[in-house]
Amino acid sequence: MENRVEFLRKQRNLSQEEFAKAIRVSRQTVSAIENGKYNPSLELAFTISDFFGEPIEKIFLHQRGGSK
């Protein structure tokens, strides 16, 4: 699953550490989400959505028909 987390975080001039503290996860978790190595739980996805004020489906992009 692709996502726009890194783009949205950088758009707000936040470091991974600052963003991680704001959503109460580790910097490593933020890095893994941004690199597509970890899909967040639904609860964390909602937290990220609320933080950025964007609908989940505009942050996490599901690729239809692919193996991703």
PDB file of N, CA and C in Angstrom:
ATOM      1  N   MET A   1       0.840  -1.169   0.000  1.00  0.00           N
ATOM      2  CA  MET A   1       0.000   0.000   0.000  1.00  0.00           C
ATOM      3  C   MET A   1       0.893   1.242   0.000  1.00  0.00           C
ATOM      4  N   GLU A   2       0.640   2.136  -0.901  1.00  0.00           N
ATOM      5  CA  GLU A   2       1.377   3.396  -0.930  1.00  0.00           C
ATOM      6  C   GLU A   2       0.719   4.388   0.021  1.00  0.00           C
ATOM      7  N   ASN A   3       1.496   5.398   0.429  1.00  0.00           N
ATOM      8  CA  ASN A   3       0.917   6.419   1.290  1.00  0.00           C
ATOM      9  C   ASN A   3       1.600   7.761   1.061  1.00  0.00           C
ATOM     10  N   ARG A   4       0.963   8.799   1.565  1.00  0.00           N
ATOM     11  CA  ARG A   4       1.444  10.172   1.417  1.00  0.00           C
ATOM     12  C   ARG A   4       1.944  10.745   2.745  1.00  0.00           C
ATOM     13  N   VAL A   5       2.269   9.874   3.690  1.00  0.00           N
ATOM     14  CA  VAL A   5       2.646  10.332   5.028  1.00  0.00           C
ATOM     15  C   VAL A   5       3.897  11.211   4.979  1.00  0.00           C
ATOM     16  N   GLU A   6       4.926  10.756   4.290  1.00  0.00           N
ATOM     17  CA  GLU A   6       6.170  11.537   4.232  1.00  0.00           C
ATOM     18  C   GLU A   6       5.916  12.912   3.595  1.00  0.00           C
ATOM     19  N   PHE A   7       5.184  12.939   2.493  1.00  0.00           N
ATOM     20  CA  PHE A   7       4.865  14.195   1.823  1.00  0.00           C
ATOM     21  C   PHE A   7       4.135  15.153   2.771  1.00  0.00           C
ATOM     22  N   LEU A   8       3.104  14.648   3.443  1.00  0.00           N
ATOM     23  CA  LEU A   8       2.318  15.490   4.340  1.00  0.00           C
ATOM     24  C   LEU A   8       3.147  15.961   5.535  1.00  0.00           C
ATOM     25  N   ARG A   9       3.996  15.087   6.053  1.00  0.00           N
ATOM     26  CA  ARG A   9       4.857  15.456   7.193  1.00  0.00           C
ATOM     27  C   ARG A   9       5.835  16.558   6.779  1.00  0.00           C
ATOM     28  N   LYS A  10       6.483  16.379   5.631  1.00  0.00           N
ATOM     29  CA  LYS A  10       7.462  17.364   5.170  1.00  0.00           C
ATOM     30  C   LYS A  10       6.793  18.682   4.805  1.00  0.00           C
ATOM     31  N   GLN A  11       5.579  18.610   4.284  1.00  0.00           N
ATOM     32  CA  GLN A  11       4.824  19.810   3.944  1.00  0.00           C
ATOM     33  C   GLN A  11       4.610  20.679   5.181  1.00  0.00           C
ATOM     34  N   ARG A  12       4.547  20.059   6.334  1.00  0.00           N
ATOM     35  CA  ARG A  12       4.355  20.776   7.597  1.00  0.00           C
ATOM     36  C   ARG A  12       5.667  21.022   8.336  1.00  0.00           C
ATOM     37  N   ASN A  13       6.785  20.748   7.652  1.00  0.00           N
ATOM     38  CA  ASN A  13       8.126  20.978   8.217  1.00  0.00           C
ATOM     39  C   ASN A  13       8.340  20.265   9.550  1.00  0.00           C
ATOM     40  N   LEU A  14       7.879  19.018   9.615  1.00  0.00           N
ATOM     41  CA  LEU A  14       8.063  18.211  10.825  1.00  0.00           C
ATOM     42  C   LEU A  14       9.126  17.154  10.582  1.00  0.00           C
ATOM     43  N   SER A  15       9.952  16.923  11.581  1.00  0.00           N
ATOM     44  CA  SER A  15      10.880  15.798  11.511  1.00  0.00           C
ATOM     45  C   SER A  15      10.099  14.519  11.814  1.00  0.00           C
ATOM     46  N   GLN A  16      10.705  13.392  11.499  1.00  0.00           N
ATOM     47  CA  GLN A  16      10.060  12.119  11.852  1.00  0.00           C
ATOM     48  C   GLN A  16       9.871  12.043  13.360  1.00  0.00           C
ATOM     49  N   GLU A  17      10.834  12.513  14.107  1.00  0.00           N
ATOM     50  CA  GLU A  17      10.763  12.476  15.576  1.00  0.00           C
ATOM     51  C   GLU A  17       9.606  13.333  16.094  1.00  0.00           C
ATOM     52  N   GLU A  18       9.458  14.527  15.562  1.00  0.00           N
ATOM     53  CA  GLU A  18       8.362  15.408  15.994  1.00  0.00           C
ATOM     54  C   GLU A  18       7.003  14.798  15.663  1.00  0.00           C
ATOM     55  N   PHE A  19       6.884  14.265  14.465  1.00  0.00           N
ATOM     56  CA  PHE A  19       5.623  13.654  14.059  1.00  0.00           C
ATOM     57  C   PHE A  19       5.329  12.422  14.915  1.00  0.00           C
ATOM     58  N   ALA A  20       6.352  11.612  15.161  1.00  0.00           N
ATOM     59  CA  ALA A  20       6.181  10.408  15.983  1.00  0.00           C
ATOM     60  C   ALA A  20       5.674  10.764  17.379  1.00  0.00           C
ATOM     61  N   LYS A  21       6.255  11.796  17.979  1.00  0.00           N
ATOM     62  CA  LYS A  21       5.802  12.221  19.311  1.00  0.00           C
ATOM     63  C   LYS A  21       4.356  12.679  19.269  1.00  0.00           C
ATOM     64  N   ALA A  22       3.983  13.394  18.216  1.00  0.00           N
ATOM     65  CA  ALA A  22       2.624  13.923  18.099  1.00  0.00           C
ATOM     66  C   ALA A  22       1.583  12.815  17.990  1.00  0.00           C
ATOM     67  N   ILE A  23       1.949  11.701  17.338  1.00  0.00           N
ATOM     68  CA  ILE A  23       0.981  10.613  17.176  1.00  0.00           C
ATOM     69  C   ILE A  23       1.277   9.434  18.102  1.00  0.00           C
ATOM     70  N   ARG A  24       2.243   9.626  19.014  1.00  0.00           N
ATOM     71  CA  ARG A  24       2.562   8.654  20.072  1.00  0.00           C
ATOM     72  C   ARG A  24       3.031   7.294  19.552  1.00  0.00           C
ATOM     73  N   VAL A  25       3.986   7.352  18.612  1.00  0.00           N
ATOM     74  CA  VAL A  25       4.654   6.135  18.142  1.00  0.00           C
ATOM     75  C   VAL A  25       6.150   6.430  18.101  1.00  0.00           C
ATOM     76  N   SER A  26       6.952   5.431  17.790  1.00  0.00           N
ATOM     77  CA  SER A  26       8.393   5.644  17.687  1.00  0.00           C
ATOM     78  C   SER A  26       8.751   6.241  16.327  1.00  0.00           C
ATOM     79  N   ARG A  27       9.915   6.869  16.275  1.00  0.00           N
ATOM     80  CA  ARG A  27      10.403   7.391  15.004  1.00  0.00           C
ATOM     81  C   ARG A  27      10.583   6.257  14.005  1.00  0.00           C
ATOM     82  N   GLN A  28      10.986   5.088  14.490  1.00  0.00           N
ATOM     83  CA  GLN A  28      11.165   3.925  13.622  1.00  0.00           C
ATOM     84  C   GLN A  28       9.847   3.509  12.974  1.00  0.00           C
ATOM     85  N   THR A  29       8.745   3.621  13.717  1.00  0.00           N
ATOM     86  CA  THR A  29       7.432   3.298  13.157  1.00  0.00           C
ATOM     87  C   THR A  29       7.083   4.261  12.037  1.00  0.00           C
ATOM     88  N   VAL A  30       7.328   5.544  12.255  1.00  0.00           N
ATOM     89  CA  VAL A  30       7.068   6.539  11.209  1.00  0.00           C
ATOM     90  C   VAL A  30       7.903   6.223   9.975  1.00  0.00           C
ATOM     91  N   SER A  31       9.167   5.923  10.174  1.00  0.00           N
ATOM     92  CA  SER A  31      10.046   5.590   9.053  1.00  0.00           C
ATOM     93  C   SER A  31       9.527   4.376   8.281  1.00  0.00           C
ATOM     94  N   ALA A  32       9.127   3.337   8.997  1.00  0.00           N
ATOM     95  CA  ALA A  32       8.622   2.122   8.359  1.00  0.00           C
ATOM     96  C   ALA A  32       7.336   2.385   7.582  1.00  0.00           C
ATOM     97  N   ILE A  33       6.455   3.217   8.128  1.00  0.00           N
ATOM     98  CA  ILE A  33       5.216   3.573   7.415  1.00  0.00           C
ATOM     99  C   ILE A  33       5.563   4.326   6.145  1.00  0.00           C
ATOM    100  N   GLU A  34       6.439   5.320   6.259  1.00  0.00           N
ATOM    101  CA  GLU A  34       6.800   6.133   5.096  1.00  0.00           C
ATOM    102  C   GLU A  34       7.467   5.309   4.003  1.00  0.00           C
ATOM    103  N   ASN A  35       8.224   4.299   4.390  1.00  0.00           N
ATOM    104  CA  ASN A  35       8.924   3.460   3.420  1.00  0.00           C
ATOM    105  C   ASN A  35       8.089   2.284   2.919  1.00  0.00           C
ATOM    106  N   GLY A  36       6.844   2.205   3.372  1.00  0.00           N
ATOM    107  CA  GLY A  36       5.963   1.135   2.925  1.00  0.00           C
ATOM    108  C   GLY A  36       6.301  -0.228   3.490  1.00  0.00           C
ATOM    109  N   LYS A  37       7.072  -0.255   4.581  1.00  0.00           N
ATOM    110  CA  LYS A  37       7.456  -1.532   5.195  1.00  0.00           C
ATOM    111  C   LYS A  37       6.508  -1.936   6.317  1.00  0.00           C
ATOM    112  N   TYR A  38       5.592  -1.032   6.657  1.00  0.00           N
ATOM    113  CA  TYR A  38       4.653  -1.305   7.742  1.00  0.00           C
ATOM    114  C   TYR A  38       3.339  -0.617   7.426  1.00  0.00           C
ATOM    115  N   ASN A  39       2.258  -1.372   7.455  1.00  0.00           N
ATOM    116  CA  ASN A  39       0.924  -0.807   7.316  1.00  0.00           C
ATOM    117  C   ASN A  39       0.364  -0.590   8.711  1.00  0.00           C
ATOM    118  N   PRO A  40      -0.009   0.647   9.029  1.00  0.00           N
ATOM    119  CA  PRO A  40      -0.483   0.924  10.385  1.00  0.00           C
ATOM    120  C   PRO A  40      -1.822   0.254  10.670  1.00  0.00           C
ATOM    121  N   SER A  41      -2.082   0.056  11.937  1.00  0.00           N
ATOM    122  CA  SER A  41      -3.393  -0.443  12.357  1.00  0.00           C
ATOM    123  C   SER A  41      -4.447   0.577  11.951  1.00  0.00           C
ATOM    124  N   LEU A  42      -5.688   0.155  11.952  1.00  0.00           N
ATOM    125  CA  LEU A  42      -6.771   1.069  11.620  1.00  0.00           C
ATOM    126  C   LEU A  42      -6.807   2.235  12.606  1.00  0.00           C
ATOM    127  N   GLU A  43      -6.591   1.943  13.870  1.00  0.00           N
ATOM    128  CA  GLU A  43      -6.578   2.995  14.887  1.00  0.00           C
ATOM    129  C   GLU A  43      -5.483   4.020  14.608  1.00  0.00           C
ATOM    130  N   LEU A  44      -4.282   3.556  14.267  1.00  0.00           N
ATOM    131  CA  LEU A  44      -3.181   4.478  13.964  1.00  0.00           C
ATOM    132  C   LEU A  44      -3.458   5.234  12.666  1.00  0.00           C
ATOM    133  N   ALA A  45      -4.045   4.582  11.696  1.00  0.00           N
ATOM    134  CA  ALA A  45      -4.400   5.258  10.438  1.00  0.00           C
ATOM    135  C   ALA A  45      -5.368   6.406  10.717  1.00  0.00           C
ATOM    136  N   PHE A  46      -6.338   6.181  11.590  1.00  0.00           N
ATOM    137  CA  PHE A  46      -7.272   7.252  11.959  1.00  0.00           C
ATOM    138  C   PHE A  46      -6.549   8.380  12.699  1.00  0.00           C
ATOM    139  N   THR A  47      -5.604   8.037  13.552  1.00  0.00           N
ATOM    140  CA  THR A  47      -4.826   9.047  14.273  1.00  0.00           C
ATOM    141  C   THR A  47      -4.050   9.917  13.284  1.00  0.00           C
ATOM    142  N   ILE A  48      -3.416   9.282  12.304  1.00  0.00           N
ATOM    143  CA  ILE A  48      -2.662  10.013  11.281  1.00  0.00           C
ATOM    144  C   ILE A  48      -3.611  10.879  10.458  1.00  0.00           C
ATOM    145  N   SER A  49      -4.746  10.323  10.103  1.00  0.00           N
ATOM    146  CA  SER A  49      -5.767  11.061   9.341  1.00  0.00           C
ATOM    147  C   SER A  49      -6.224  12.301  10.106  1.00  0.00           C
ATOM    148  N   ASP A  50      -6.516  12.135  11.385  1.00  0.00           N
ATOM    149  CA  ASP A  50      -6.944  13.261  12.218  1.00  0.00           C
ATOM    150  C   ASP A  50      -5.838  14.311  12.330  1.00  0.00           C
ATOM    151  N   PHE A  51      -4.599  13.864  12.495  1.00  0.00           N
ATOM    152  CA  PHE A  51      -3.476  14.785  12.633  1.00  0.00           C
ATOM    153  C   PHE A  51      -3.352  15.686  11.407  1.00  0.00           C
ATOM    154  N   PHE A  52      -3.448  15.092  10.222  1.00  0.00           N
ATOM    155  CA  PHE A  52      -3.285  15.858   8.990  1.00  0.00           C
ATOM    156  C   PHE A  52      -4.588  16.499   8.501  1.00  0.00           C
ATOM    157  N   GLY A  53      -5.718  16.130   9.092  1.00  0.00           N
ATOM    158  CA  GLY A  53      -6.991  16.682   8.662  1.00  0.00           C
ATOM    159  C   GLY A  53      -7.372  16.239   7.256  1.00  0.00           C
ATOM    160  N   GLU A  54      -6.970  15.027   6.921  1.00  0.00           N
ATOM    161  CA  GLU A  54      -7.241  14.448   5.599  1.00  0.00           C
ATOM    162  C   GLU A  54      -7.957  13.115   5.784  1.00  0.00           C
ATOM    163  N   PRO A  55      -8.856  12.759   4.856  1.00  0.00           N
ATOM    164  CA  PRO A  55      -9.481  11.432   4.930  1.00  0.00           C
ATOM    165  C   PRO A  55      -8.429  10.330   4.751  1.00  0.00           C
ATOM    166  N   ILE A  56      -8.642   9.211   5.408  1.00  0.00           N
ATOM    167  CA  ILE A  56      -7.707   8.088   5.316  1.00  0.00           C
ATOM    168  C   ILE A  56      -7.394   7.732   3.870  1.00  0.00           C
ATOM    169  N   GLU A  57      -8.442   7.705   3.025  1.00  0.00           N
ATOM    170  CA  GLU A  57      -8.232   7.273   1.643  1.00  0.00           C
ATOM    171  C   GLU A  57      -7.412   8.263   0.814  1.00  0.00           C
ATOM    172  N   LYS A  58      -7.175   9.468   1.338  1.00  0.00           N
ATOM    173  CA  LYS A  58      -6.302  10.422   0.651  1.00  0.00           C
ATOM    174  C   LYS A  58      -4.868  10.344   1.168  1.00  0.00           C
ATOM    175  N   ILE A  59      -4.669   9.573   2.224  1.00  0.00           N
ATOM    176  CA  ILE A  59      -3.328   9.384   2.788  1.00  0.00           C
ATOM    177  C   ILE A  59      -2.788   8.008   2.417  1.00  0.00           C
ATOM    178  N   PHE A  60      -3.625   7.000   2.584  1.00  0.00           N
ATOM    179  CA  PHE A  60      -3.233   5.612   2.289  1.00  0.00           C
ATOM    180  C   PHE A  60      -3.916   5.187   1.000  1.00  0.00           C
ATOM    181  N   LEU A  61      -3.111   4.905  -0.015  1.00  0.00           N
ATOM    182  CA  LEU A  61      -3.622   4.664  -1.354  1.00  0.00           C
ATOM    183  C   LEU A  61      -3.574   3.177  -1.695  1.00  0.00           C
ATOM    184  N   HIS A  62      -4.727   2.581  -1.800  1.00  0.00           N
ATOM    185  CA  HIS A  62      -4.819   1.158  -2.120  1.00  0.00           C
ATOM    186  C   HIS A  62      -4.657   0.968  -3.616  1.00  0.00           C
ATOM    187  N   GLN A  63      -3.769   0.067  -4.000  1.00  0.00           N
ATOM    188  CA  GLN A  63      -3.538  -0.238  -5.414  1.00  0.00           C
ATOM    189  C   GLN A  63      -4.391  -1.429  -5.814  1.00  0.00           C
ATOM    190  N   ARG A  64      -5.372  -1.212  -6.639  1.00  0.00           N
ATOM    191  CA  ARG A  64      -6.253  -2.293  -7.072  1.00  0.00           C
ATOM    192  C   ARG A  64      -5.571  -3.169  -8.108  1.00  0.00           C
ATOM    193  N   GLY A  65      -5.823  -4.472  -7.997  1.00  0.00           N
ATOM    194  CA  GLY A  65      -5.340  -5.404  -8.997  1.00  0.00           C
ATOM    195  C   GLY A  65      -3.869  -5.764  -8.881  1.00  0.00           C
ATOM    196  N   GLY A  66      -3.144  -5.133  -7.987  1.00  0.00           N
ATOM    197  CA  GLY A  66      -1.729  -5.435  -7.827  1.00  0.00           C
ATOM    198  C   GLY A  66      -1.481  -6.279  -6.604  1.00  0.00           C
ATOM    199  N   SER A  67      -0.250  -6.656  -6.417  1.00  0.00           N
ATOM    200  CA  SER A  67       0.092  -7.480  -5.258  1.00  0.00           C
ATOM    201  C   SER A  67       0.466  -6.631  -4.060  1.00  0.00           C
ATOM    202  N   LYS A  68       0.543  -5.305  -4.207  1.00  0.00           N
ATOM    203  CA  LYS A  68       0.898  -4.415  -3.095  1.00  0.00           C
ATOM    204  C   LYS A  68      -0.244  -4.201  -2.152  1.00  0.00           C
TER     205      LYS A  68
END
